[in-house]
Amino acid sequence: MKYQDPKILVTDALLSVDGNQAALGRMLGISRVSVNEWVTTGRKYLPALQAYRYLNERKNAA
């Protein structure tokens, strides 16, 4: 069976932090500029590493 990385929409991740790109960057351990680049270039999904970080942070926050 082939393993597939999680698919998390950039828009959903942003909604979870009230649309704050800096807050999402802090959550993922990256700069807000990186998050802004995803938004301005129209990236649909978080990169795989950040998707795992996002899931881990959401799990720890619950």
Protein backbone atom coordinates (compact mmCIF):
# COMPACT_ATOMS: atom_id res chain seq x y z
CA MET A 1 0.00 0.00 0.00
CA LYS A 2 1.35 3.38 -0.97
CA TYR A 3 1.52 5.98 1.80
CA GLN A 4 0.23 9.47 1.06
CA ASP A 5 1.08 12.70 2.90
CA PRO A 6 -1.80 14.65 4.46
CA LYS A 7 -3.54 17.19 2.22
CA ILE A 8 -4.40 20.36 4.15
CA LEU A 9 -5.72 23.35 2.27
CA VAL A 10 -3.80 26.57 2.86
CA THR A 11 -7.15 28.36 3.25
CA ASP A 12 -8.29 25.92 5.95
CA ALA A 13 -5.02 26.33 7.85
CA LEU A 14 -5.37 30.11 7.67
CA LEU A 15 -8.98 29.97 8.87
CA SER A 16 -7.85 28.04 11.96
CA VAL A 17 -5.74 31.06 12.99
CA ASP A 18 -8.35 33.67 11.98
CA GLY A 19 -6.58 34.40 8.69
CA ASN A 20 -3.40 35.57 10.41
CA GLN A 21 -0.43 34.59 8.23
CA ALA A 22 2.10 35.47 10.95
CA ALA A 23 0.29 33.24 13.46
CA LEU A 24 0.28 30.34 11.01
CA GLY A 25 3.98 30.88 10.37
CA ARG A 26 4.71 30.81 14.11
CA MET A 27 2.63 27.66 14.51
CA LEU A 28 4.63 25.93 11.77
CA GLY A 29 8.04 27.32 12.74
CA ILE A 30 8.46 29.28 9.51
CA SER A 31 8.32 32.94 8.53
CA ARG A 32 5.13 34.82 7.67
CA VAL A 33 6.76 35.63 4.34
CA SER A 34 6.72 31.93 3.45
CA VAL A 35 3.02 31.73 4.27
CA ASN A 36 2.37 34.89 2.24
CA GLU A 37 4.19 33.33 -0.72
CA TRP A 38 1.83 30.33 -0.62
CA VAL A 39 -1.16 32.67 -0.65
CA THR A 40 0.06 35.01 -3.40
CA THR A 41 1.20 32.19 -5.69
CA GLY A 42 -2.09 30.34 -5.24
CA ARG A 43 -0.66 27.23 -3.59
CA LYS A 44 -3.56 24.91 -2.80
CA TYR A 45 -2.09 22.62 -0.12
CA LEU A 46 0.46 23.02 2.65
CA PRO A 47 3.84 21.45 1.84
CA ALA A 48 4.15 17.95 3.33
CA LEU A 49 6.47 18.88 6.23
CA GLN A 50 4.28 21.81 7.24
CA ALA A 51 1.15 19.65 6.95
CA TYR A 52 2.59 17.22 9.51
CA ARG A 53 3.62 20.11 11.77
CA TYR A 54 0.14 21.61 11.46
CA LEU A 55 -1.54 18.33 12.41
CA ASN A 56 0.83 17.91 15.35
CA GLU A 57 0.15 21.44 16.63
CA ARG A 58 -3.62 21.00 16.27
CA LYS A 59 -3.44 17.68 18.15
CA ASN A 60 -1.42 19.25 20.97
CA ALA A 61 -3.78 22.23 21.22
CA ALA A 62 -6.81 19.97 21.75
